[in-house]
Each structure stands twice: as structure tokens, then as C-alpha cells.
Protein backbone atom coordinates (compact mmCIF):
# COMPACT_ATOMS: atom_id res chain seq x y z
CA MET A 1 4.19 23.69 5.64
CA ARG A 2 0.88 23.33 7.51
CA VAL A 3 -0.28 19.74 7.83
CA PRO A 4 -3.24 18.05 9.55
CA ALA A 5 -2.46 17.88 13.26
CA ARG A 6 -3.93 14.72 14.63
CA VAL A 7 -1.16 13.24 16.79
CA SER A 8 -0.56 10.39 19.23
CA ILE A 9 1.14 10.89 22.60
CA TRP A 10 3.38 8.20 24.16
CA PRO A 11 5.21 8.01 27.50
CA ARG A 12 8.94 8.45 28.01
CA PRO A 13 10.67 5.26 26.86
CA THR A 14 11.67 3.04 29.79
CA GLY A 15 11.91 -0.36 28.19
CA PRO A 16 10.79 -2.43 25.22
CA PHE A 17 8.07 -0.92 23.11
CA ASN A 18 4.54 -1.69 24.14
CA PRO A 19 1.58 -0.35 22.05
CA SER A 20 -0.65 -0.23 25.15
CA TRP A 21 1.49 2.63 26.42
CA ARG A 22 -0.24 5.13 24.13
CA ILE A 23 -1.67 7.82 26.39
CA ALA A 24 -3.88 9.80 24.01
CA THR A 25 -4.63 10.82 20.49
CA ILE A 26 -5.34 14.54 20.25
CA ASN A 27 -7.93 15.76 17.76
CA PRO A 28 -6.88 19.44 17.62
CA GLU A 29 -10.20 20.52 16.17
CA THR A 30 -11.31 20.64 19.79
CA HIS A 31 -8.01 22.03 21.17
CA THR A 32 -7.16 25.04 19.05
CA PRO A 33 -5.02 27.00 19.33
CA LEU A 34 -2.80 24.64 21.31
CA VAL A 35 0.87 24.35 22.18
CA LEU A 36 2.56 21.00 23.00
CA GLN A 37 5.81 21.55 24.80
CA ASN A 38 8.57 19.69 26.63
CA ALA A 39 8.16 16.77 24.26
CA ARG A 40 9.94 14.49 21.85
CA ILE A 41 8.12 15.36 18.65
CA TYR A 42 8.99 13.32 15.58
CA SER A 43 8.18 14.61 12.10
CA LEU A 44 8.66 13.48 8.50
CA ALA A 45 10.75 16.53 7.63
CA PRO A 46 13.99 15.33 5.98
CA GLU A 47 16.10 18.13 7.39
CA THR A 48 15.10 17.71 11.04
CA SER A 49 13.26 14.85 12.59
CA LEU A 50 13.03 15.77 16.29
CA PHE A 51 11.47 18.81 17.88
CA GLY A 52 10.66 19.97 21.39
CA SER A 53 7.43 21.88 20.93
CA LEU A 54 4.62 22.22 18.44
CA LEU A 55 1.85 24.72 17.61
CA ILE A 56 -1.57 23.64 16.45
CA ARG A 57 -3.89 26.17 14.93
CA ASP A 58 -7.21 25.63 13.10
CA GLY A 59 -6.68 21.91 13.13
CA LEU A 60 -3.30 22.11 11.48
CA VAL A 61 0.36 21.97 12.53
CA ALA A 62 1.25 25.66 12.25
CA GLY A 63 4.81 25.55 13.64
CA VAL A 64 7.48 23.49 15.35
CA SER A 65 10.38 24.51 17.52
CA ALA A 66 13.57 22.62 18.32
CA ALA A 67 13.24 23.37 22.04
CA ASP A 68 10.91 25.63 24.02
CA PRO A 69 7.99 27.29 22.25
CA PRO A 70 8.68 30.93 21.12
CA GLN A 71 7.05 33.59 23.23
CA SER A 72 4.83 34.58 20.29
CA TRP A 73 3.17 31.13 20.42
CA LEU A 74 2.43 31.45 24.15
CA GLU A 75 0.84 34.85 23.68
CA TYR A 76 -1.24 33.55 20.78
CA ALA A 77 -2.10 30.18 22.26
CA PRO A 78 -2.41 30.26 26.06
CA ASP A 79 -3.82 26.70 26.00
CA ARG A 80 -0.81 24.45 26.30
CA ILE A 81 0.13 20.94 27.39
CA ASP A 82 3.45 20.11 29.12
CA LEU A 83 4.14 16.55 27.94
CA GLU A 84 6.99 15.98 30.38
CA GLY A 85 9.23 14.30 27.84
CA ARG A 86 6.56 12.13 26.24
CA THR A 87 6.72 11.25 22.55
CA VAL A 88 4.48 12.72 19.90
CA LEU A 89 4.12 10.96 16.53
CA PRO A 90 2.38 11.99 13.33
CA GLY A 91 -0.77 10.07 12.57
CA LEU A 92 0.08 6.60 11.20
CA TRP A 93 -1.20 4.94 8.05
CA ASP A 94 -2.24 1.31 7.80
CA ALA A 95 -0.91 0.16 4.40
CA HIS A 96 -3.13 -2.92 4.08
CA ILE A 97 -6.44 -3.28 5.86
CA HIS A 98 -9.79 -4.87 5.11
CA LEU A 99 -11.81 -2.02 6.54
CA GLU A 100 -15.23 -3.64 6.12
CA LYS A 101 -14.10 -6.84 7.79
CA TYR A 102 -12.52 -4.87 10.63
CA ALA A 103 -15.78 -2.89 11.05
CA GLN A 104 -17.83 -6.14 11.10
CA SER A 105 -15.48 -7.77 13.60
CA LEU A 106 -16.25 -5.04 16.12
CA HIS A 107 -19.83 -6.32 16.08
CA GLN A 108 -18.98 -10.02 16.15
CA LEU A 109 -17.52 -12.37 18.74
CA ASP A 110 -13.87 -11.57 19.49
CA LEU A 111 -12.18 -14.97 19.31
CA GLU A 112 -8.56 -14.02 19.82
CA LEU A 113 -8.45 -16.35 22.82
CA PRO A 114 -5.72 -18.55 24.24
CA SER A 115 -7.51 -21.86 24.02
CA LEU A 116 -10.05 -23.73 21.94
CA GLN A 117 -12.21 -24.23 25.05
CA ASP A 118 -12.27 -20.50 25.75
CA CYS A 119 -13.45 -19.95 22.16
CA LEU A 120 -16.21 -22.58 22.53
CA ALA A 121 -17.33 -21.07 25.78
CA ARG A 122 -17.75 -17.71 24.11
CA VAL A 123 -19.81 -19.25 21.30
CA ARG A 124 -21.91 -21.10 23.87
CA ALA A 125 -22.68 -17.80 25.68
CA ALA A 126 -23.68 -16.18 22.43
CA ALA A 127 -25.92 -19.09 21.48
CA ALA A 128 -27.71 -18.82 24.79
CA HIS A 129 -28.91 -15.31 23.84
CA ALA A 130 -29.53 -15.96 20.15
CA SER A 131 -32.86 -16.84 18.56
CA PRO A 132 -33.08 -20.28 16.95
CA GLY A 133 -31.70 -20.14 13.43
CA GLU A 134 -29.92 -16.78 14.00
CA TRP A 135 -26.35 -16.70 12.66
CA ILE A 136 -23.57 -16.50 15.17
CA LEU A 137 -20.52 -14.71 13.69
CA GLY A 138 -17.05 -14.32 15.08
CA HIS A 139 -13.50 -13.52 14.07
CA GLY A 140 -9.93 -13.99 15.27
CA TRP A 141 -9.35 -17.65 16.19
CA ASN A 142 -5.79 -18.84 15.69
CA GLN A 143 -5.20 -22.62 15.71
CA ASN A 144 -1.49 -21.97 16.15
CA LYS A 145 -2.20 -21.10 19.77
CA TRP A 146 -4.24 -24.26 20.29
CA ASP A 147 -3.37 -27.98 20.15
CA ARG A 148 -5.59 -28.49 17.08
CA TYR A 149 -8.16 -26.95 14.76
CA GLY A 150 -11.75 -26.68 15.89
CA THR A 151 -14.33 -28.89 14.16
CA ALA A 152 -17.99 -28.73 13.23
CA ALA A 153 -18.68 -31.27 16.02
CA ASP A 154 -17.13 -28.92 18.54
CA LEU A 155 -19.43 -26.10 17.51
CA ASP A 156 -22.47 -28.42 17.33
CA ARG A 157 -22.14 -29.16 21.02
CA VAL A 158 -22.23 -25.49 22.03
CA ALA A 159 -24.62 -24.08 19.36
CA PRO A 160 -26.88 -26.86 18.15
CA ASP A 161 -29.72 -24.58 17.02
CA ASN A 162 -27.76 -21.80 15.28
CA PRO A 163 -25.57 -21.69 12.18
CA VAL A 164 -22.07 -20.60 13.20
CA TYR A 165 -19.48 -18.90 10.95
CA LEU A 166 -16.12 -17.97 12.49
CA THR A 167 -13.25 -16.54 10.49
CA ALA A 168 -9.59 -17.07 11.38
CA LYS A 169 -7.33 -14.20 12.34
CA SER A 170 -5.53 -14.68 9.02
CA LEU A 171 -8.84 -14.27 7.10
CA HIS A 172 -7.79 -17.30 5.05
CA ALA A 173 -9.96 -19.89 6.77
CA ALA A 174 -13.38 -20.24 8.39
CA TRP A 175 -14.70 -22.63 10.96
CA VAL A 176 -18.40 -23.53 10.84
CA ASN A 177 -20.89 -25.99 12.37
CA SER A 178 -23.25 -28.50 10.84
CA ARG A 179 -26.08 -25.95 10.60
CA ALA A 180 -23.89 -23.72 8.50
CA LEU A 181 -22.77 -26.58 6.32
CA GLU A 182 -26.44 -27.52 5.74
CA ALA A 183 -27.33 -23.93 4.87
CA ALA A 184 -24.62 -23.99 2.18
CA GLY A 185 -25.51 -27.52 0.94
CA ILE A 186 -22.02 -28.83 1.70
CA VAL A 187 -21.82 -32.60 1.89
CA ALA A 188 -19.09 -35.21 1.64
CA GLU A 189 -19.35 -35.24 -2.22
CA SER A 190 -19.20 -31.46 -2.56
CA PRO A 191 -16.29 -30.43 -4.85
CA ASP A 192 -13.66 -27.95 -3.85
CA PRO A 193 -14.00 -24.57 -5.49
CA PRO A 194 -11.21 -23.60 -7.91
CA ASP A 195 -9.68 -21.14 -5.45
CA GLY A 196 -10.01 -23.03 -2.13
CA TYR A 197 -10.77 -26.35 -0.47
CA LEU A 198 -12.98 -28.00 2.11
CA GLY A 199 -11.72 -29.82 5.20
CA HIS A 200 -12.82 -33.42 5.61
CA ARG A 201 -12.94 -36.02 8.38
CA GLU A 202 -11.37 -39.42 7.87
CA ASP A 203 -14.74 -40.78 6.81
CA GLY A 204 -15.02 -38.13 4.08
CA ALA A 205 -17.66 -35.96 5.74
CA PRO A 206 -16.95 -32.20 5.92
CA ASN A 207 -15.21 -31.32 9.16
CA GLY A 208 -16.28 -27.68 9.36
CA LEU A 209 -13.12 -26.04 8.03
CA LEU A 210 -13.18 -23.92 4.91
CA PHE A 211 -10.03 -22.59 3.31
CA GLU A 212 -9.57 -19.62 1.01
CA GLY A 213 -12.34 -19.46 -1.64
CA ALA A 214 -14.30 -22.23 0.01
CA MET A 215 -15.23 -19.72 2.73
CA ARG A 216 -17.59 -18.05 0.28
CA LEU A 217 -19.72 -21.20 0.07
CA VAL A 218 -21.00 -20.37 3.54
CA SER A 219 -20.41 -16.58 3.81
CA SER A 220 -22.60 -16.09 0.68
CA ARG A 221 -25.52 -17.56 2.69
CA ILE A 222 -25.28 -14.86 5.38
CA GLU A 223 -27.39 -11.73 4.72
CA PRO A 224 -25.00 -8.78 4.38
CA PRO A 225 -25.57 -5.62 6.47
CA SER A 226 -27.57 -2.88 4.86
CA PRO A 227 -25.66 0.10 3.41
CA GLN A 228 -26.83 2.22 6.39
CA THR A 229 -25.73 -0.42 8.92
CA LEU A 230 -22.32 -0.85 7.25
CA ALA A 231 -21.80 2.94 7.18
CA ALA A 232 -22.55 3.09 10.90
CA TRP A 233 -20.13 0.20 11.55
CA LEU A 234 -17.43 1.96 9.49
CA ARG A 235 -17.80 5.14 11.49
CA THR A 236 -17.26 3.17 14.66
CA ALA A 237 -14.24 1.40 13.08
CA LEU A 238 -12.69 4.65 11.92
CA ASN A 239 -13.09 6.13 15.42
CA GLU A 240 -11.38 3.06 16.86
CA LEU A 241 -8.48 3.46 14.37
CA VAL A 242 -8.05 7.15 15.15
CA ALA A 243 -8.01 6.33 18.92
CA ALA A 244 -5.06 4.04 18.13
CA GLY A 245 -3.21 6.75 16.28
CA ILE A 246 -4.06 5.44 12.77
CA THR A 247 -5.33 8.40 10.76
CA GLY A 248 -5.23 6.94 7.24
CA VAL A 249 -5.77 3.52 5.62
CA HIS A 250 -5.28 1.75 2.28
CA ASP A 251 -8.43 -0.39 2.11
CA PHE A 252 -8.52 -3.72 0.27
CA ASP A 253 -12.27 -4.21 0.23
CA GLY A 254 -14.79 -4.10 -2.61
CA PRO A 255 -17.45 -1.74 -4.01
CA ARG A 256 -19.81 -2.29 -1.08
CA CYS A 257 -17.32 -0.86 1.35
CA PHE A 258 -16.39 1.98 -0.98
CA GLN A 259 -20.04 2.97 -1.40
CA ALA A 260 -20.60 2.91 2.35
CA LEU A 261 -17.62 5.12 2.89
CA GLN A 262 -19.00 7.64 0.41
């Protein structure tokens, strides 16, 4: 059977697995015909799972060999790569991804940082280059790595002139400042939505934390990207995924993302 031939190459195992060890993802459309040899090539074939060499032709896996490549391959495909025992895997599938959110996150502040102060410093740097009133967006904070949640007051100190909307790594919470709360009309008396809840200070005022469906109270105030912009972001995101060896996804976004993909 001939199957699409985008593969990832990994070094010889010498210790615990580390994803950063990936050496390359080959797009065979620019390397055909091509022979990969002296490798540990894993397949999904039920009868045999490990091979030593592989032939790529016209962007497809055209053959596999248990050990050295047959002479006929070498005559047909003089372009070859000796992988020196490295591992080759089929392209991987992400079974649950929010592709639009991932694409947007590549154009927002990366907040997967070890401390709350590091996160605030990154927001402060963004605010220094933003126009007054411009939204500052970020993703990836994780309070489990910090000694506490961030608050609206924290963000007010570093971005007093800009509304700030930062989503948690879990995508189940958002952290905003007072400007963002004002844009959404959120006050102490604001009711919780049916599918979420607002965080409050001891005095009852909103503390800048939005959980589950309450996130939409603020996110709905942010102008979404145009279809053209989203399509461009998705192209970047797909290239990033392919570079990581992920060649297929099951997306859990809505019609806007589906239309942009089309």
C-alpha cells in the first residue's frame, strides 16, 4: 500500500524520551525519489512494525525493507539519507486540538512562564509598544506553577491604558484587568452566566478572573480576526504542527475556523 510519506526523524535512544530531540520532519514532495536507510522505521502495519529502510516516490511511501534497501531502489533513487540508526515515525495525529485558538496563540503573548512576575513583565513590555486602548492578548498562564492567581490589580499596574485578556493554558479561565472589565460592563453586581462564574475580591468587586462561560463576557468584546487574517494564521499554525511531526488533527472549533480552513 502506498501512503503519504511525511515522516519525522528522531535520534538513537540514549535515555528518557525528550520531544526536543526531533531532528527533522521530511516533506518528501521536495525529496523524491528518496531512500531512507540504516534506520529504525516504525509503521502501522499489523504484520510487521519495524523496518530498516524506506522508499519515497512521488510524495508517497512506495516500499519498505526489513534491512538494507534493495539494489533496485538504489538504481531508481540515487538520492538517499543514511540515518545512522535514528528513528522514523509516521506522521502523528492530534486527536483533540482547538486549531483556531492555537493559531491565535502564535500571534499573542506566550505566557507559559515560571512565575507571576515573569508574566507581568511580559505584559508590561507589550503595553509599552501598544497604542492606548489597544487590546493586549496572551495565552498559557498556569497558576499551578505560581503561588497564587493573578488579579486585575496586578495587570492594572503594568498595563493601565490597555484592556488585557489572557487565557489560561487549560482554556477554562481568563485573567483580565480593569479596562477589560469596564469594556464588558462587569461590576460587583454582575450575575454569573449559566455556564461559568466570575471571580470576586473579599469586598465583592470583580477580581479579574473569569471561569468557563464567563470568559465570553470579555472575549465577545474583542474584534475577531478577519477571515483572511485567520486563514493566514492557520497556515502558520499548520506549518508549525507539521514541523513537530503532526500531520493530521481533529479540530474542536466552530464554523469560523472551518470556513477559514476551506
